[in-house]
Amino acid sequence: MLTKSAVRQLGEAERPEIERLLTTDPYVTAQVWERIAARGLGWWRSDGRIYGYGPQGRLESICWLGTQLTPVAATGDAIVAFADVLGRLGRTCTSIVGQRDQVIDLWDRLTPRWGRARDVRAVQPLLVASRPAPVPADPGVRLMQPDEIDVLFPAAVAMYTEEVGVSPLDGGRGYRHRVAELVKSGRAYAKVVDGRVVFKADLAVITPHTAQVQGVWVDPQWRGQGIATAGMAAVVDDALRRVAPTVSLYVNDYNVPARRAYQTCGFQQVAELATVLF
């Protein structure tokens, strides 16, 4: 068995091997892929670090550590080794997200050192659509414009608070800046009625393989009317035409209405994720 000495921080020299591992599961690893593409692997300019497991010249598993912690292709021995290193470092991330079995195993080993999580979402189907939606798209769903950030922001805050369980405005994390960046980069969709957002969704992650949708939300007063299905159909159709060859997302297993809407739009399950929230 390899020991903890097999864990090392990686840099640009290891990029080909890192990308090889990321490509083995491009939907699960989409968020890591985009961050590396945008920021590189030099610790002085990256918003995270990436650790590798395996003997020199034979990378077997990796683990991304930024605001989010994500194990990739992590074998049982790699999980043990990563947990040892991460446990000694102490918790700096706000979540653990990744392939379900890897996340749960890693979290079980980190719990004694990191303490309890705020929430563990143990089963999150990862869904992918590669064709236009088989149902009519809502023509009112469109990309938001930079002068509409004030219109979108209250809905974005409501979505985040409902989904995560805390307000994104707590702690001054620059959430408005994040929303503005999504709008300016052509990633924020919404349907606006009488000056109010009633449906929204974001292309939070874009890689050569997929556009990953997050932040899907329907105004509570509009739920149960099919707006999510028609809205997501519009997002899928535009993203496939304009952005990436597939559209992906993950959803809590207990969110039956959302899962039904995604299935109607042509999404199919390809994996199971898990998320640990702090």
C-alpha atoms as a PDB file:
ATOM      1  CA  MET A   1       0.000   0.000   0.000  1.00  0.00           C
ATOM      2  CA  LEU A   2       1.260   3.470  -0.831  1.00  0.00           C
ATOM      3  CA  THR A   3       1.695   5.735   2.153  1.00  0.00           C
ATOM      4  CA  LYS A   4       0.920   9.368   2.754  1.00  0.00           C
ATOM      5  CA  SER A   5       4.317  10.216   1.271  1.00  0.00           C
ATOM      6  CA  ALA A   6       2.747   9.478  -2.125  1.00  0.00           C
ATOM      7  CA  VAL A   7       0.593  12.638  -1.819  1.00  0.00           C
ATOM      8  CA  ARG A   8       2.158  15.742  -3.322  1.00  0.00           C
ATOM      9  CA  GLN A   9       1.043  19.142  -4.530  1.00  0.00           C
ATOM     10  CA  LEU A  10       0.928  19.351  -8.313  1.00  0.00           C
ATOM     11  CA  GLY A  11       1.777  22.125 -10.738  1.00  0.00           C
ATOM     12  CA  GLU A  12       1.838  22.950 -14.431  1.00  0.00           C
ATOM     13  CA  ALA A  13       4.337  20.188 -15.184  1.00  0.00           C
ATOM     14  CA  GLU A  14       1.693  17.625 -14.276  1.00  0.00           C
ATOM     15  CA  ARG A  15      -1.112  19.219 -16.315  1.00  0.00           C
ATOM     16  CA  PRO A  16      -1.250  16.472 -19.002  1.00  0.00           C
ATOM     17  CA  GLU A  17      -1.685  13.782 -16.350  1.00  0.00           C
ATOM     18  CA  ILE A  18      -4.251  15.864 -14.458  1.00  0.00           C
ATOM     19  CA  GLU A  19      -6.281  16.458 -17.612  1.00  0.00           C
ATOM     20  CA  ARG A  20      -6.109  12.735 -18.388  1.00  0.00           C
ATOM     21  CA  LEU A  21      -7.787  11.969 -15.060  1.00  0.00           C
ATOM     22  CA  LEU A  22     -10.325  14.776 -15.451  1.00  0.00           C
ATOM     23  CA  THR A  23     -11.297  13.484 -18.888  1.00  0.00           C
ATOM     24  CA  THR A  24     -12.154  10.040 -17.522  1.00  0.00           C
ATOM     25  CA  ASP A  25     -15.270  11.564 -15.941  1.00  0.00           C
ATOM     26  CA  PRO A  26     -15.798  15.014 -17.530  1.00  0.00           C
ATOM     27  CA  TYR A  27     -19.229  15.634 -15.987  1.00  0.00           C
ATOM     28  CA  VAL A  28     -18.249  14.845 -12.404  1.00  0.00           C
ATOM     29  CA  THR A  29     -15.042  16.852 -12.728  1.00  0.00           C
ATOM     30  CA  ALA A  30     -16.453  19.826 -14.651  1.00  0.00           C
ATOM     31  CA  GLN A  31     -15.993  22.363 -11.856  1.00  0.00           C
ATOM     32  CA  VAL A  32     -12.353  21.387 -11.320  1.00  0.00           C
ATOM     33  CA  TRP A  33     -11.728  21.428 -15.072  1.00  0.00           C
ATOM     34  CA  GLU A  34     -13.009  24.992 -15.439  1.00  0.00           C
ATOM     35  CA  ARG A  35     -11.026  26.321 -12.480  1.00  0.00           C
ATOM     36  CA  ILE A  36      -7.776  24.850 -13.759  1.00  0.00           C
ATOM     37  CA  ALA A  37      -8.431  26.164 -17.265  1.00  0.00           C
ATOM     38  CA  ALA A  38      -9.136  29.657 -15.912  1.00  0.00           C
ATOM     39  CA  ARG A  39      -6.501  29.903 -13.194  1.00  0.00           C
ATOM     40  CA  GLY A  40      -3.759  27.463 -14.018  1.00  0.00           C
ATOM     41  CA  LEU A  41      -1.922  25.289 -11.511  1.00  0.00           C
ATOM     42  CA  GLY A  42       0.654  27.722 -10.163  1.00  0.00           C
ATOM     43  CA  TRP A  43      -0.096  28.233  -6.479  1.00  0.00           C
ATOM     44  CA  TRP A  44       0.738  31.951  -6.727  1.00  0.00           C
ATOM     45  CA  ARG A  45      -2.117  32.630  -9.145  1.00  0.00           C
ATOM     46  CA  SER A  46      -4.622  29.882  -8.437  1.00  0.00           C
ATOM     47  CA  ASP A  47      -7.703  30.027  -6.255  1.00  0.00           C
ATOM     48  CA  GLY A  48      -6.963  26.500  -5.108  1.00  0.00           C
ATOM     49  CA  ARG A  49      -4.413  23.723  -4.870  1.00  0.00           C
ATOM     50  CA  ILE A  50      -4.430  20.274  -6.380  1.00  0.00           C
ATOM     51  CA  TYR A  51      -2.881  17.228  -4.743  1.00  0.00           C
ATOM     52  CA  GLY A  52      -1.890  14.047  -6.501  1.00  0.00           C
ATOM     53  CA  TYR A  53      -1.580  10.481  -5.299  1.00  0.00           C
ATOM     54  CA  GLY A  54       0.681   7.848  -6.779  1.00  0.00           C
ATOM     55  CA  PRO A  55       4.365   7.245  -7.383  1.00  0.00           C
ATOM     56  CA  GLN A  56       6.355   9.796  -9.360  1.00  0.00           C
ATOM     57  CA  GLY A  57       5.442   9.536 -13.023  1.00  0.00           C
ATOM     58  CA  ARG A  58       2.233   7.573 -12.407  1.00  0.00           C
ATOM     59  CA  LEU A  59      -0.560   9.817 -11.166  1.00  0.00           C
ATOM     60  CA  GLU A  60      -3.499   7.691  -9.989  1.00  0.00           C
ATOM     61  CA  SER A  61      -5.812  10.094  -8.152  1.00  0.00           C
ATOM     62  CA  ILE A  62      -6.143  13.823  -7.539  1.00  0.00           C
ATOM     63  CA  CYS A  63      -7.874  16.061  -5.050  1.00  0.00           C
ATOM     64  CA  TRP A  64      -8.802  19.705  -5.706  1.00  0.00           C
ATOM     65  CA  LEU A  65      -8.772  22.011  -2.688  1.00  0.00           C
ATOM     66  CA  GLY A  66     -10.214  25.495  -3.008  1.00  0.00           C
ATOM     67  CA  THR A  67     -13.435  26.865  -1.581  1.00  0.00           C
ATOM     68  CA  GLN A  68     -14.667  23.449  -2.682  1.00  0.00           C
ATOM     69  CA  LEU A  69     -12.933  20.109  -2.066  1.00  0.00           C
ATOM     70  CA  THR A  70     -13.276  17.520  -4.850  1.00  0.00           C
ATOM     71  CA  PRO A  71     -11.642  14.087  -5.034  1.00  0.00           C
ATOM     72  CA  VAL A  72     -11.160  12.728  -8.559  1.00  0.00           C
ATOM     73  CA  ALA A  73     -10.603   9.057  -9.461  1.00  0.00           C
ATOM     74  CA  ALA A  74      -9.776   8.527  -5.793  1.00  0.00           C
ATOM     75  CA  THR A  75      -9.138   4.892  -4.927  1.00  0.00           C
ATOM     76  CA  GLY A  76      -9.503   3.611  -1.381  1.00  0.00           C
ATOM     77  CA  ASP A  77      -5.783   4.028  -0.691  1.00  0.00           C
ATOM     78  CA  ALA A  78      -5.854   7.538  -2.142  1.00  0.00           C
ATOM     79  CA  ILE A  79      -8.790   8.515   0.088  1.00  0.00           C
ATOM     80  CA  VAL A  80      -6.852   7.355   3.149  1.00  0.00           C
ATOM     81  CA  ALA A  81      -3.801   9.355   2.078  1.00  0.00           C
ATOM     82  CA  PHE A  82      -5.752  12.504   1.154  1.00  0.00           C
ATOM     83  CA  ALA A  83      -7.663  12.388   4.450  1.00  0.00           C
ATOM     84  CA  ASP A  84      -4.417  12.234   6.382  1.00  0.00           C
ATOM     85  CA  VAL A  85      -2.975  15.289   4.614  1.00  0.00           C
ATOM     86  CA  LEU A  86      -6.224  17.294   4.672  1.00  0.00           C
ATOM     87  CA  GLY A  87      -6.880  16.446   8.300  1.00  0.00           C
ATOM     88  CA  ARG A  88      -3.516  17.865   9.301  1.00  0.00           C
ATOM     89  CA  LEU A  89      -4.083  21.001   7.217  1.00  0.00           C
ATOM     90  CA  GLY A  90      -7.447  21.737   8.847  1.00  0.00           C
ATOM     91  CA  ARG A  91     -10.623  22.695   7.043  1.00  0.00           C
ATOM     92  CA  THR A  92     -10.442  25.686   4.700  1.00  0.00           C
ATOM     93  CA  CYS A  93     -13.167  24.717   2.193  1.00  0.00           C
ATOM     94  CA  THR A  94     -16.892  25.436   2.451  1.00  0.00           C
ATOM     95  CA  SER A  95     -18.000  22.179   0.829  1.00  0.00           C
ATOM     96  CA  ILE A  96     -16.961  18.755  -0.435  1.00  0.00           C
ATOM     97  CA  VAL A  97     -18.465  17.828  -3.811  1.00  0.00           C
ATOM     98  CA  GLY A  98     -17.820  14.870  -6.069  1.00  0.00           C
ATOM     99  CA  GLN A  99     -18.515  11.246  -6.884  1.00  0.00           C
ATOM    100  CA  ARG A 100     -20.758   9.951  -4.137  1.00  0.00           C
ATOM    101  CA  ASP A 101     -18.701   7.020  -2.849  1.00  0.00           C
ATOM    102  CA  GLN A 102     -15.483   9.041  -2.840  1.00  0.00           C
ATOM    103  CA  VAL A 103     -17.021  12.020  -1.029  1.00  0.00           C
ATOM    104  CA  ILE A 104     -18.712   9.914   1.641  1.00  0.00           C
ATOM    105  CA  ASP A 105     -15.563   7.861   2.294  1.00  0.00           C
ATOM    106  CA  LEU A 106     -13.394  10.977   2.479  1.00  0.00           C
ATOM    107  CA  TRP A 107     -15.852  12.772   4.765  1.00  0.00           C
ATOM    108  CA  ASP A 108     -16.117   9.778   7.116  1.00  0.00           C
ATOM    109  CA  ARG A 109     -12.346   9.928   7.575  1.00  0.00           C
ATOM    110  CA  LEU A 110     -12.201  13.711   7.977  1.00  0.00           C
ATOM    111  CA  THR A 111     -15.098  14.046  10.430  1.00  0.00           C
ATOM    112  CA  PRO A 112     -13.029  13.271  13.564  1.00  0.00           C
ATOM    113  CA  ARG A 113     -10.639  16.143  12.706  1.00  0.00           C
ATOM    114  CA  TRP A 114     -12.949  18.633  11.005  1.00  0.00           C
ATOM    115  CA  GLY A 115     -16.028  18.246  13.164  1.00  0.00           C
ATOM    116  CA  ARG A 116     -19.648  18.071  12.127  1.00  0.00           C
ATOM    117  CA  ALA A 117     -20.982  19.358   8.803  1.00  0.00           C
ATOM    118  CA  ARG A 118     -23.929  21.707   8.487  1.00  0.00           C
ATOM    119  CA  ASP A 119     -25.573  19.400   5.961  1.00  0.00           C
ATOM    120  CA  VAL A 120     -24.749  16.208   4.078  1.00  0.00           C
ATOM    121  CA  ARG A 121     -26.590  15.661   0.787  1.00  0.00           C
ATOM    122  CA  ALA A 122     -25.674  12.065   0.272  1.00  0.00           C
ATOM    123  CA  VAL A 123     -27.465  11.285  -3.002  1.00  0.00           C
ATOM    124  CA  GLN A 124     -27.454  13.768  -5.879  1.00  0.00           C
ATOM    125  CA  PRO A 125     -28.138  12.320  -9.336  1.00  0.00           C
ATOM    126  CA  LEU A 126     -25.875  13.836 -12.006  1.00  0.00           C
ATOM    127  CA  LEU A 127     -27.869  14.346 -15.208  1.00  0.00           C
ATOM    128  CA  VAL A 128     -26.803  15.059 -18.792  1.00  0.00           C
ATOM    129  CA  ALA A 129     -28.674  16.180 -21.914  1.00  0.00           C
ATOM    130  CA  SER A 130     -27.027  15.983 -25.328  1.00  0.00           C
ATOM    131  CA  ARG A 131     -29.995  16.814 -27.555  1.00  0.00           C
ATOM    132  CA  PRO A 132     -32.486  19.690 -27.709  1.00  0.00           C
ATOM    133  CA  ALA A 133     -35.350  19.316 -25.279  1.00  0.00           C
ATOM    134  CA  PRO A 134     -38.273  17.210 -26.580  1.00  0.00           C
ATOM    135  CA  VAL A 135     -40.777  19.706 -25.143  1.00  0.00           C
ATOM    136  CA  PRO A 136     -41.533  23.318 -26.146  1.00  0.00           C
ATOM    137  CA  ALA A 137     -39.181  25.946 -24.758  1.00  0.00           C
ATOM    138  CA  ASP A 138     -40.463  29.067 -23.034  1.00  0.00           C
ATOM    139  CA  PRO A 139     -39.789  31.950 -25.464  1.00  0.00           C
ATOM    140  CA  GLY A 140     -39.759  34.344 -22.513  1.00  0.00           C
ATOM    141  CA  VAL A 141     -36.600  32.819 -21.036  1.00  0.00           C
ATOM    142  CA  ARG A 142     -33.593  34.803 -22.209  1.00  0.00           C
ATOM    143  CA  LEU A 143     -30.097  35.888 -21.279  1.00  0.00           C
ATOM    144  CA  MET A 144     -30.063  38.722 -18.779  1.00  0.00           C
ATOM    145  CA  GLN A 145     -28.276  41.940 -19.734  1.00  0.00           C
ATOM    146  CA  PRO A 146     -25.745  43.939 -17.677  1.00  0.00           C
ATOM    147  CA  ASP A 147     -28.294  46.679 -16.980  1.00  0.00           C
ATOM    148  CA  GLU A 148     -30.623  44.062 -15.437  1.00  0.00           C
ATOM    149  CA  ILE A 149     -28.413  42.908 -12.586  1.00  0.00           C
ATOM    150  CA  ASP A 150     -30.615  44.707 -10.058  1.00  0.00           C
ATOM    151  CA  VAL A 151     -33.615  42.816 -11.447  1.00  0.00           C
ATOM    152  CA  LEU A 152     -31.900  39.431 -11.209  1.00  0.00           C
ATOM    153  CA  PHE A 153     -30.116  39.853  -7.881  1.00  0.00           C
ATOM    154  CA  PRO A 154     -33.101  39.408  -5.487  1.00  0.00           C
ATOM    155  CA  ALA A 155     -34.019  36.140  -7.224  1.00  0.00           C
ATOM    156  CA  ALA A 156     -30.407  34.954  -7.046  1.00  0.00           C
ATOM    157  CA  VAL A 157     -30.302  35.659  -3.314  1.00  0.00           C
ATOM    158  CA  ALA A 158     -33.615  33.857  -2.789  1.00  0.00           C
ATOM    159  CA  MET A 159     -32.385  30.845  -4.761  1.00  0.00           C
ATOM    160  CA  TYR A 160     -29.105  30.605  -2.841  1.00  0.00           C
ATOM    161  CA  THR A 161     -30.769  30.987   0.549  1.00  0.00           C
ATOM    162  CA  GLU A 162     -33.364  28.341  -0.253  1.00  0.00           C
ATOM    163  CA  GLU A 163     -30.868  25.887  -1.720  1.00  0.00           C
ATOM    164  CA  VAL A 164     -27.912  26.265   0.638  1.00  0.00           C
ATOM    165  CA  GLY A 165     -29.757  27.193   3.823  1.00  0.00           C
ATOM    166  CA  VAL A 166     -27.853  30.407   4.556  1.00  0.00           C
ATOM    167  CA  SER A 167     -27.917  33.840   2.969  1.00  0.00           C
ATOM    168  CA  PRO A 168     -25.134  34.567   0.457  1.00  0.00           C
ATOM    169  CA  LEU A 169     -25.041  38.093   1.878  1.00  0.00           C
ATOM    170  CA  ASP A 170     -23.669  36.874   5.219  1.00  0.00           C
ATOM    171  CA  GLY A 171     -19.936  37.360   5.572  1.00  0.00           C
ATOM    172  CA  GLY A 172     -19.452  39.712   2.629  1.00  0.00           C
ATOM    173  CA  ARG A 173     -18.422  37.084   0.099  1.00  0.00           C
ATOM    174  CA  GLY A 174     -19.012  39.200  -2.954  1.00  0.00           C
ATOM    175  CA  TYR A 175     -22.105  37.350  -4.123  1.00  0.00           C
ATOM    176  CA  ARG A 176     -23.326  40.316  -6.131  1.00  0.00           C
ATOM    177  CA  HIS A 177     -20.033  40.305  -8.017  1.00  0.00           C
ATOM    178  CA  ARG A 178     -20.561  36.620  -8.856  1.00  0.00           C
ATOM    179  CA  VAL A 179     -24.069  37.318 -10.185  1.00  0.00           C
ATOM    180  CA  ALA A 180     -22.755  40.244 -12.231  1.00  0.00           C
ATOM    181  CA  GLU A 181     -20.019  38.080 -13.745  1.00  0.00           C
ATOM    182  CA  LEU A 182     -22.547  35.448 -14.793  1.00  0.00           C
ATOM    183  CA  VAL A 183     -24.653  38.105 -16.487  1.00  0.00           C
ATOM    184  CA  LYS A 184     -21.734  39.804 -18.237  1.00  0.00           C
ATOM    185  CA  SER A 185     -20.364  36.500 -19.538  1.00  0.00           C
ATOM    186  CA  GLY A 186     -23.695  35.435 -21.037  1.00  0.00           C
ATOM    187  CA  ARG A 187     -24.402  32.677 -18.532  1.00  0.00           C
ATOM    188  CA  ALA A 188     -27.485  33.943 -16.654  1.00  0.00           C
ATOM    189  CA  TYR A 189     -30.969  33.099 -17.949  1.00  0.00           C
ATOM    190  CA  ALA A 190     -34.264  34.374 -16.587  1.00  0.00           C
ATOM    191  CA  LYS A 191     -37.906  34.956 -17.346  1.00  0.00           C
ATOM    192  CA  VAL A 192     -39.063  38.375 -16.187  1.00  0.00           C
ATOM    193  CA  VAL A 193     -42.739  39.223 -15.663  1.00  0.00           C
ATOM    194  CA  ASP A 194     -43.765  42.750 -14.654  1.00  0.00           C
ATOM    195  CA  GLY A 195     -40.207  43.574 -13.653  1.00  0.00           C
ATOM    196  CA  ARG A 196     -39.802  40.486 -11.461  1.00  0.00           C
ATOM    197  CA  VAL A 197     -37.824  37.306 -12.126  1.00  0.00           C
ATOM    198  CA  VAL A 198     -40.092  34.251 -12.002  1.00  0.00           C
ATOM    199  CA  PHE A 199     -37.576  31.699 -13.344  1.00  0.00           C
ATOM    200  CA  LYS A 200     -33.779  31.691 -13.399  1.00  0.00           C
ATOM    201  CA  ALA A 201     -30.885  29.366 -14.197  1.00  0.00           C
ATOM    202  CA  ASP A 202     -27.147  29.831 -14.679  1.00  0.00           C
ATOM    203  CA  LEU A 203     -24.432  28.148 -16.717  1.00  0.00           C
ATOM    204  CA  ALA A 204     -22.181  28.101 -13.679  1.00  0.00           C
ATOM    205  CA  VAL A 205     -19.486  25.914 -15.249  1.00  0.00           C
ATOM    206  CA  ILE A 206     -18.397  25.643 -18.881  1.00  0.00           C
ATOM    207  CA  THR A 207     -15.817  23.176 -20.189  1.00  0.00           C
ATOM    208  CA  PRO A 208     -15.064  21.735 -23.633  1.00  0.00           C
ATOM    209  CA  HIS A 209     -17.333  18.828 -22.666  1.00  0.00           C
ATOM    210  CA  THR A 210     -20.333  20.391 -20.967  1.00  0.00           C
ATOM    211  CA  ALA A 211     -22.183  23.441 -19.705  1.00  0.00           C
ATOM    212  CA  GLN A 212     -23.195  22.737 -16.118  1.00  0.00           C
ATOM    213  CA  VAL A 213     -26.414  24.375 -14.963  1.00  0.00           C
ATOM    214  CA  GLN A 214     -26.789  25.597 -11.391  1.00  0.00           C
ATOM    215  CA  GLY A 215     -28.982  28.112  -9.613  1.00  0.00           C
ATOM    216  CA  VAL A 216     -32.280  26.872 -11.049  1.00  0.00           C
ATOM    217  CA  TRP A 217     -35.137  28.615  -9.250  1.00  0.00           C
ATOM    218  CA  VAL A 218     -38.828  29.366  -9.712  1.00  0.00           C
ATOM    219  CA  ASP A 219     -40.663  32.054  -7.786  1.00  0.00           C
ATOM    220  CA  PRO A 220     -42.818  30.221  -5.191  1.00  0.00           C
ATOM    221  CA  GLN A 221     -45.940  31.955  -6.530  1.00  0.00           C
ATOM    222  CA  TRP A 222     -45.311  30.447  -9.972  1.00  0.00           C
ATOM    223  CA  ARG A 223     -44.531  26.868  -8.966  1.00  0.00           C
ATOM    224  CA  GLY A 224     -46.682  23.981 -10.109  1.00  0.00           C
ATOM    225  CA  GLN A 225     -47.454  25.603 -13.471  1.00  0.00           C
ATOM    226  CA  GLY A 226     -44.817  23.917 -15.627  1.00  0.00           C
ATOM    227  CA  ILE A 227     -42.598  26.991 -15.791  1.00  0.00           C
ATOM    228  CA  ALA A 228     -39.495  25.055 -14.710  1.00  0.00           C
ATOM    229  CA  THR A 229     -39.884  22.497 -17.509  1.00  0.00           C
ATOM    230  CA  ALA A 230     -40.390  25.078 -20.268  1.00  0.00           C
ATOM    231  CA  GLY A 231     -37.677  27.281 -18.786  1.00  0.00           C
ATOM    232  CA  MET A 232     -35.127  24.493 -18.634  1.00  0.00           C
ATOM    233  CA  ALA A 233     -36.009  23.495 -22.183  1.00  0.00           C
ATOM    234  CA  ALA A 234     -35.062  27.013 -23.270  1.00  0.00           C
ATOM    235  CA  VAL A 235     -31.770  26.823 -21.349  1.00  0.00           C
ATOM    236  CA  VAL A 236     -30.878  23.419 -22.782  1.00  0.00           C
ATOM    237  CA  ASP A 237     -31.642  24.446 -26.359  1.00  0.00           C
ATOM    238  CA  ASP A 238     -29.622  27.662 -26.167  1.00  0.00           C
ATOM    239  CA  ALA A 239     -26.661  26.130 -24.323  1.00  0.00           C
ATOM    240  CA  LEU A 240     -26.369  23.278 -26.830  1.00  0.00           C
ATOM    241  CA  ARG A 241     -26.579  25.671 -29.751  1.00  0.00           C
ATOM    242  CA  ARG A 242     -24.266  28.320 -28.363  1.00  0.00           C
ATOM    243  CA  VAL A 243     -21.980  26.948 -25.661  1.00  0.00           C
ATOM    244  CA  ALA A 244     -21.185  23.225 -25.331  1.00  0.00           C
ATOM    245  CA  PRO A 245     -21.969  19.759 -26.767  1.00  0.00           C
ATOM    246  CA  THR A 246     -23.849  18.696 -23.619  1.00  0.00           C
ATOM    247  CA  VAL A 247     -25.700  20.268 -20.701  1.00  0.00           C
ATOM    248  CA  SER A 248     -25.363  18.789 -17.220  1.00  0.00           C
ATOM    249  CA  LEU A 249     -26.576  19.408 -13.687  1.00  0.00           C
ATOM    250  CA  TYR A 250     -26.986  17.642 -10.371  1.00  0.00           C
ATOM    251  CA  VAL A 251     -30.044  17.618  -8.155  1.00  0.00           C
ATOM    252  CA  ASN A 252     -30.957  16.381  -4.687  1.00  0.00           C
ATOM    253  CA  ASP A 253     -32.634  12.981  -4.918  1.00  0.00           C
ATOM    254  CA  TYR A 254     -35.548  14.141  -2.773  1.00  0.00           C
ATOM    255  CA  ASN A 255     -36.410  17.047  -5.096  1.00  0.00           C
ATOM    256  CA  VAL A 256     -39.022  15.105  -7.021  1.00  0.00           C
ATOM    257  CA  PRO A 257     -40.592  18.052  -8.935  1.00  0.00           C
ATOM    258  CA  ALA A 258     -37.195  19.190 -10.219  1.00  0.00           C
ATOM    259  CA  ARG A 259     -36.173  15.670 -11.217  1.00  0.00           C
ATOM    260  CA  ARG A 260     -39.430  15.250 -13.105  1.00  0.00           C
ATOM    261  CA  ALA A 261     -38.885  18.527 -14.970  1.00  0.00           C
ATOM    262  CA  TYR A 262     -35.331  17.573 -15.932  1.00  0.00           C
ATOM    263  CA  GLN A 263     -36.415  14.155 -17.146  1.00  0.00           C
ATOM    264  CA  THR A 264     -39.105  15.747 -19.294  1.00  0.00           C
ATOM    265  CA  CYS A 265     -36.424  17.985 -20.829  1.00  0.00           C
ATOM    266  CA  GLY A 266     -34.402  14.951 -21.870  1.00  0.00           C
ATOM    267  CA  PHE A 267     -31.820  14.688 -19.093  1.00  0.00           C
ATOM    268  CA  GLN A 268     -30.493  11.228 -18.257  1.00  0.00           C
ATOM    269  CA  GLN A 269     -28.586  10.150 -15.170  1.00  0.00           C
ATOM    270  CA  VAL A 270     -24.894   9.329 -15.621  1.00  0.00           C
ATOM    271  CA  ALA A 271     -23.586   9.268 -12.038  1.00  0.00           C
ATOM    272  CA  GLU A 272     -24.356  10.040  -8.408  1.00  0.00           C
ATOM    273  CA  LEU A 273     -22.709  12.885  -6.532  1.00  0.00           C
ATOM    274  CA  ALA A 274     -22.724  13.860  -2.877  1.00  0.00           C
ATOM    275  CA  THR A 275     -22.198  17.248  -1.232  1.00  0.00           C
ATOM    276  CA  VAL A 276     -21.054  18.049   2.295  1.00  0.00           C
ATOM    277  CA  LEU A 277     -21.801  21.647   3.367  1.00  0.00           C
ATOM    278  CA  PHE A 278     -20.048  23.525   6.182  1.00  0.00           C
END
